[in-house]
Amino acid sequence: MPLRSATFCRAAYNAHVQGLVHRRLNPISAYTEYTLVEDLTLYDLFRAPRPVHTSAVVSVVDVDAELQCPICLGVLQQTTVVPACLHRFCRVCIEACLTCGKLECPTCRAVIPNKRALRADTTFDALVQLLHPPFPPLSPKKKRPAPNDLADSTTLVVAFAQLGAVAPSQLQWTTTLEATVHEANEWLREHLSVPAIVCTKDGAARPLDATLADATTEHFPLYYRTSGRVDTSS
């Protein structure tokens, strides 16, 4: 830089350009000034430095779109890259496509010679783990399935929430088997540290008092949810 910004003034500028052997006007400047540095104006040379803002705000929708597998539409698992086009897929998804005989990228149809041509992207996997961390493992005590987690037709609907959080009128009910009722009572005794309600046959939601658990739970008529019609014969 020919002049220092601390000493730059009109007189210093005139004295400097008088010493130039080949003086020519700056073609990119809107003012009448001589070229001191190619492709730069006096404003570019002597303006005060401005702070650089490196942070940017990105919406969650845009980020999740980049973490989505085009095949299964879920979050990328064991990210695998196609070297020809750099598209990313889950390893299981892209290998299943190649097994079907279509040796091409499902997104852009770029040729994939074989499975050995695929490359694992561990850096992208680390980014996925950072944005979507896995759920912590359950303790051995919590691994026992709760009555409302059972998948068969004897699943009990026992709402562990504040009273009124689940409207009983929105559910369908029918009486349970004796063994299932006993299992539910045992489970209730172990989880009375949280507020609990029990829905009865008439659709009412009654709070379950921990002090009356042993004397009450055996006599509560419990009911379970069904996907079919309601049995009202009993």
Protein backbone atom coordinates (compact mmCIF):
# COMPACT_ATOMS: atom_id res chain seq x y z
CA MET A 1 0.00 0.00 0.00
CA PRO A 2 1.65 3.28 -1.05
CA LEU A 3 0.16 5.43 1.72
CA ARG A 4 -0.68 4.73 5.32
CA SER A 5 -4.25 5.45 6.35
CA ALA A 6 -3.02 7.29 9.46
CA THR A 7 -1.27 9.95 7.33
CA PHE A 8 -3.61 9.95 4.35
CA CYS A 9 -4.99 13.34 3.34
CA ARG A 10 -5.52 15.30 0.15
CA ALA A 11 -2.07 16.89 0.30
CA ALA A 12 -0.38 13.54 0.89
CA TYR A 13 -2.32 12.02 -1.99
CA ASN A 14 -1.34 14.84 -4.38
CA ALA A 15 2.30 14.58 -3.37
CA HIS A 16 2.25 10.83 -3.93
CA VAL A 17 0.66 10.91 -7.39
CA GLN A 18 3.08 13.62 -8.51
CA GLY A 19 5.88 11.13 -8.04
CA LEU A 20 4.25 8.46 -10.20
CA VAL A 21 5.89 8.00 -13.58
CA HIS A 22 2.87 6.52 -15.34
CA ARG A 23 -0.29 8.10 -14.01
CA ARG A 24 -3.69 7.04 -15.24
CA LEU A 25 -7.20 7.57 -13.99
CA ASN A 26 -8.86 4.74 -12.13
CA PRO A 27 -11.48 3.22 -14.51
CA ILE A 28 -13.56 1.60 -11.76
CA SER A 29 -13.90 4.68 -9.55
CA ALA A 30 -16.83 7.08 -9.73
CA TYR A 31 -14.50 9.95 -8.81
CA THR A 32 -11.51 11.53 -10.50
CA GLU A 33 -8.58 9.70 -8.96
CA TYR A 34 -5.46 7.98 -10.13
CA THR A 35 -4.87 4.27 -9.93
CA LEU A 36 -2.64 3.36 -7.01
CA VAL A 37 -3.39 -0.38 -6.87
CA GLU A 38 -5.01 -2.31 -9.71
CA ASP A 39 -8.72 -3.06 -9.29
CA LEU A 40 -8.91 -1.00 -6.08
CA THR A 41 -10.14 2.51 -5.41
CA LEU A 42 -9.01 4.92 -2.71
CA TYR A 43 -12.06 3.93 -0.71
CA ASP A 44 -11.04 0.28 -0.86
CA LEU A 45 -7.49 1.09 0.21
CA PHE A 46 -8.20 3.33 3.17
CA ARG A 47 -11.57 2.28 4.57
CA ALA A 48 -11.62 1.07 8.17
CA PRO A 49 -11.69 -2.71 8.66
CA ARG A 50 -15.09 -4.14 9.46
CA PRO A 51 -15.72 -7.13 11.72
CA VAL A 52 -16.45 -10.41 9.96
CA HIS A 53 -19.66 -12.13 11.00
CA THR A 54 -19.12 -15.87 10.63
CA SER A 55 -22.26 -17.04 12.41
CA ALA A 56 -25.43 -17.71 10.45
CA VAL A 57 -28.96 -18.67 11.44
CA VAL A 58 -30.25 -21.81 9.73
CA SER A 59 -33.75 -23.15 10.24
CA VAL A 60 -34.26 -26.65 11.62
CA VAL A 61 -36.21 -27.64 8.51
CA ASP A 62 -33.26 -26.82 6.26
CA VAL A 63 -30.84 -28.76 8.46
CA ASP A 64 -33.06 -31.84 8.69
CA ALA A 65 -33.49 -31.83 4.92
CA GLU A 66 -29.73 -32.27 4.55
CA LEU A 67 -29.71 -35.13 7.06
CA GLN A 68 -32.47 -37.10 5.31
CA CYS A 69 -31.89 -40.25 3.31
CA PRO A 70 -33.55 -39.93 -0.13
CA ILE A 71 -34.56 -43.61 -0.05
CA CYS A 72 -36.07 -44.22 3.39
CA LEU A 73 -36.73 -40.51 4.15
CA GLY A 74 -35.32 -40.99 7.65
CA VAL A 75 -32.23 -39.62 9.36
CA LEU A 76 -29.08 -40.98 7.75
CA GLN A 77 -27.67 -44.06 9.46
CA GLN A 78 -24.15 -45.27 8.58
CA THR A 79 -23.86 -42.55 5.95
CA THR A 80 -22.53 -43.82 2.63
CA VAL A 81 -21.40 -41.58 -0.25
CA VAL A 82 -21.52 -42.32 -3.96
CA PRO A 83 -18.11 -41.04 -5.21
CA ALA A 84 -19.38 -40.23 -8.70
CA CYS A 85 -21.99 -37.68 -7.53
CA LEU A 86 -21.37 -37.31 -3.76
CA HIS A 87 -24.99 -38.11 -2.88
CA ARG A 88 -25.47 -39.60 0.59
CA PHE A 89 -27.63 -42.56 1.60
CA CYS A 90 -28.01 -44.98 4.48
CA ARG A 91 -25.71 -47.94 3.93
CA VAL A 92 -28.56 -50.43 4.24
CA CYS A 93 -30.71 -48.46 1.79
CA ILE A 94 -28.12 -48.01 -0.96
CA GLU A 95 -26.92 -51.61 -0.70
CA ALA A 96 -30.51 -52.82 -1.01
CA CYS A 97 -30.89 -50.77 -4.21
CA LEU A 98 -27.70 -52.21 -5.65
CA THR A 99 -28.81 -55.72 -4.75
CA CYS A 100 -31.89 -55.24 -6.94
CA GLY A 101 -29.59 -54.96 -9.95
CA LYS A 102 -29.75 -51.20 -10.52
CA LEU A 103 -26.11 -50.14 -10.36
CA GLU A 104 -26.83 -46.42 -10.37
CA CYS A 105 -27.43 -43.58 -7.94
CA PRO A 106 -31.14 -43.44 -7.01
CA THR A 107 -31.02 -39.62 -7.09
CA CYS A 108 -29.15 -38.72 -10.28
CA ARG A 109 -28.65 -42.11 -12.02
CA ALA A 110 -24.87 -41.84 -11.88
CA VAL A 111 -23.22 -45.20 -12.54
CA ILE A 112 -22.04 -47.19 -9.49
CA PRO A 113 -19.71 -50.03 -10.57
CA ASN A 114 -20.26 -52.16 -7.46
CA LYS A 115 -20.71 -51.98 -3.69
CA ARG A 116 -16.97 -51.60 -3.17
CA ALA A 117 -17.14 -48.21 -4.90
CA LEU A 118 -19.22 -46.77 -2.05
CA ARG A 119 -17.46 -44.78 0.66
CA ALA A 120 -18.40 -44.34 4.32
CA ASP A 121 -18.75 -40.76 5.55
CA THR A 122 -17.77 -40.88 9.22
CA THR A 123 -17.61 -37.08 9.48
CA PHE A 124 -21.24 -36.79 8.44
CA ASP A 125 -22.18 -39.54 10.92
CA ALA A 126 -20.57 -37.49 13.69
CA LEU A 127 -22.66 -34.48 12.62
CA VAL A 128 -25.83 -36.58 12.71
CA GLN A 129 -24.95 -37.85 16.18
CA LEU A 130 -24.42 -34.26 17.32
CA LEU A 131 -27.76 -33.00 16.01
CA HIS A 132 -29.77 -36.16 16.70
CA PRO A 133 -28.18 -37.89 19.71
CA PRO A 134 -29.47 -41.40 20.47
CA PHE A 135 -31.86 -41.91 23.35
CA PRO A 136 -30.15 -42.97 26.60
CA PRO A 137 -30.58 -46.68 27.40
CA LEU A 138 -33.26 -47.61 29.90
CA SER A 139 -32.32 -48.89 33.33
CA PRO A 140 -32.98 -52.60 33.99
CA LYS A 141 -35.98 -51.68 36.14
CA LYS A 142 -37.55 -49.65 33.33
CA LYS A 143 -36.99 -52.30 30.69
CA ARG A 144 -40.00 -54.20 31.97
CA PRO A 145 -42.90 -53.38 29.60
CA ALA A 146 -45.60 -51.25 31.12
CA PRO A 147 -49.25 -52.29 30.67
CA ASN A 148 -49.85 -49.45 28.23
CA ASP A 149 -46.82 -50.57 26.17
CA LEU A 150 -48.07 -54.10 25.49
CA ALA A 151 -48.85 -54.75 21.85
CA ASP A 152 -51.55 -57.40 22.18
CA SER A 153 -55.28 -56.99 22.73
CA THR A 154 -54.89 -57.02 26.52
CA THR A 155 -53.10 -53.69 26.59
CA LEU A 156 -54.31 -51.67 29.57
CA VAL A 157 -54.98 -47.99 29.23
CA VAL A 158 -53.59 -46.53 32.46
CA ALA A 159 -52.86 -42.83 31.93
CA PHE A 160 -49.95 -41.63 34.06
CA ALA A 161 -50.52 -37.89 33.80
CA GLN A 162 -52.35 -35.13 35.55
CA LEU A 163 -56.05 -35.68 36.04
CA GLY A 164 -57.88 -34.64 32.89
CA ALA A 165 -54.85 -34.89 30.58
CA VAL A 166 -56.52 -37.76 28.71
CA ALA A 167 -60.22 -37.55 28.03
CA PRO A 168 -61.77 -40.98 28.75
CA SER A 169 -64.51 -40.28 26.20
CA GLN A 170 -61.89 -40.42 23.42
CA LEU A 171 -61.06 -44.07 24.13
CA GLN A 172 -62.84 -47.39 23.65
CA TRP A 173 -63.05 -49.84 26.52
CA THR A 174 -63.85 -53.46 27.34
CA THR A 175 -63.22 -55.62 30.40
CA THR A 176 -59.87 -57.34 30.88
CA LEU A 177 -58.81 -60.84 31.75
CA GLU A 178 -58.22 -61.61 35.42
CA ALA A 179 -54.54 -62.26 34.88
CA THR A 180 -54.05 -58.96 33.09
CA VAL A 181 -55.76 -57.07 35.91
CA HIS A 182 -53.40 -58.66 38.42
CA GLU A 183 -50.40 -57.71 36.28
CA ALA A 184 -51.62 -54.14 36.07
CA ASN A 185 -52.06 -53.92 39.83
CA GLU A 186 -48.52 -55.14 40.38
CA TRP A 187 -47.20 -52.57 37.93
CA LEU A 188 -49.20 -49.77 39.58
CA ARG A 189 -47.68 -50.54 42.98
CA GLU A 190 -44.18 -50.10 41.54
CA HIS A 191 -44.91 -46.78 39.84
CA LEU A 192 -46.97 -44.85 42.39
CA SER A 193 -44.31 -42.16 42.65
CA VAL A 194 -46.01 -40.27 39.79
CA PRO A 195 -49.61 -39.02 39.64
CA ALA A 196 -51.83 -41.73 38.19
CA ILE A 197 -55.44 -42.02 37.10
CA VAL A 198 -57.46 -45.13 36.40
CA CYS A 199 -60.37 -45.06 33.96
CA THR A 200 -63.43 -47.07 34.95
CA LYS A 201 -66.10 -48.66 32.82
CA ASP A 202 -68.44 -45.68 32.98
CA GLY A 203 -65.75 -43.46 31.44
CA ALA A 204 -64.82 -41.63 34.64
CA ALA A 205 -61.18 -40.95 35.51
CA ARG A 206 -60.40 -41.48 39.19
CA PRO A 207 -57.12 -40.43 40.85
CA LEU A 208 -55.17 -43.29 42.39
CA ASP A 209 -54.06 -42.45 45.94
CA ALA A 210 -50.73 -44.01 46.90
CA THR A 211 -51.85 -44.45 50.51
CA LEU A 212 -54.84 -46.49 49.39
CA ALA A 213 -53.02 -48.48 46.71
CA ASP A 214 -53.08 -51.85 48.44
CA ALA A 215 -56.72 -51.53 49.50
CA THR A 216 -58.03 -50.01 46.30
CA THR A 217 -56.23 -51.22 43.21
CA GLU A 218 -57.45 -54.80 43.53
CA HIS A 219 -61.04 -53.55 43.40
CA PHE A 220 -60.70 -51.03 40.55
CA PRO A 221 -62.38 -52.41 37.40
CA LEU A 222 -59.60 -51.82 34.86
CA TYR A 223 -60.21 -51.77 31.12
CA TYR A 224 -58.05 -52.03 28.02
CA ARG A 225 -58.12 -50.42 24.59
CA THR A 226 -59.16 -52.45 21.55
CA SER A 227 -58.96 -51.73 17.87
CA GLY A 228 -62.35 -53.32 17.18
CA ARG A 229 -65.82 -52.80 18.58
CA VAL A 230 -66.55 -52.36 22.27
CA ASP A 231 -67.73 -55.38 24.24
CA THR A 232 -70.53 -54.17 26.53
CA SER A 233 -72.05 -57.56 27.28
CA SER A 234 -70.28 -57.94 30.65
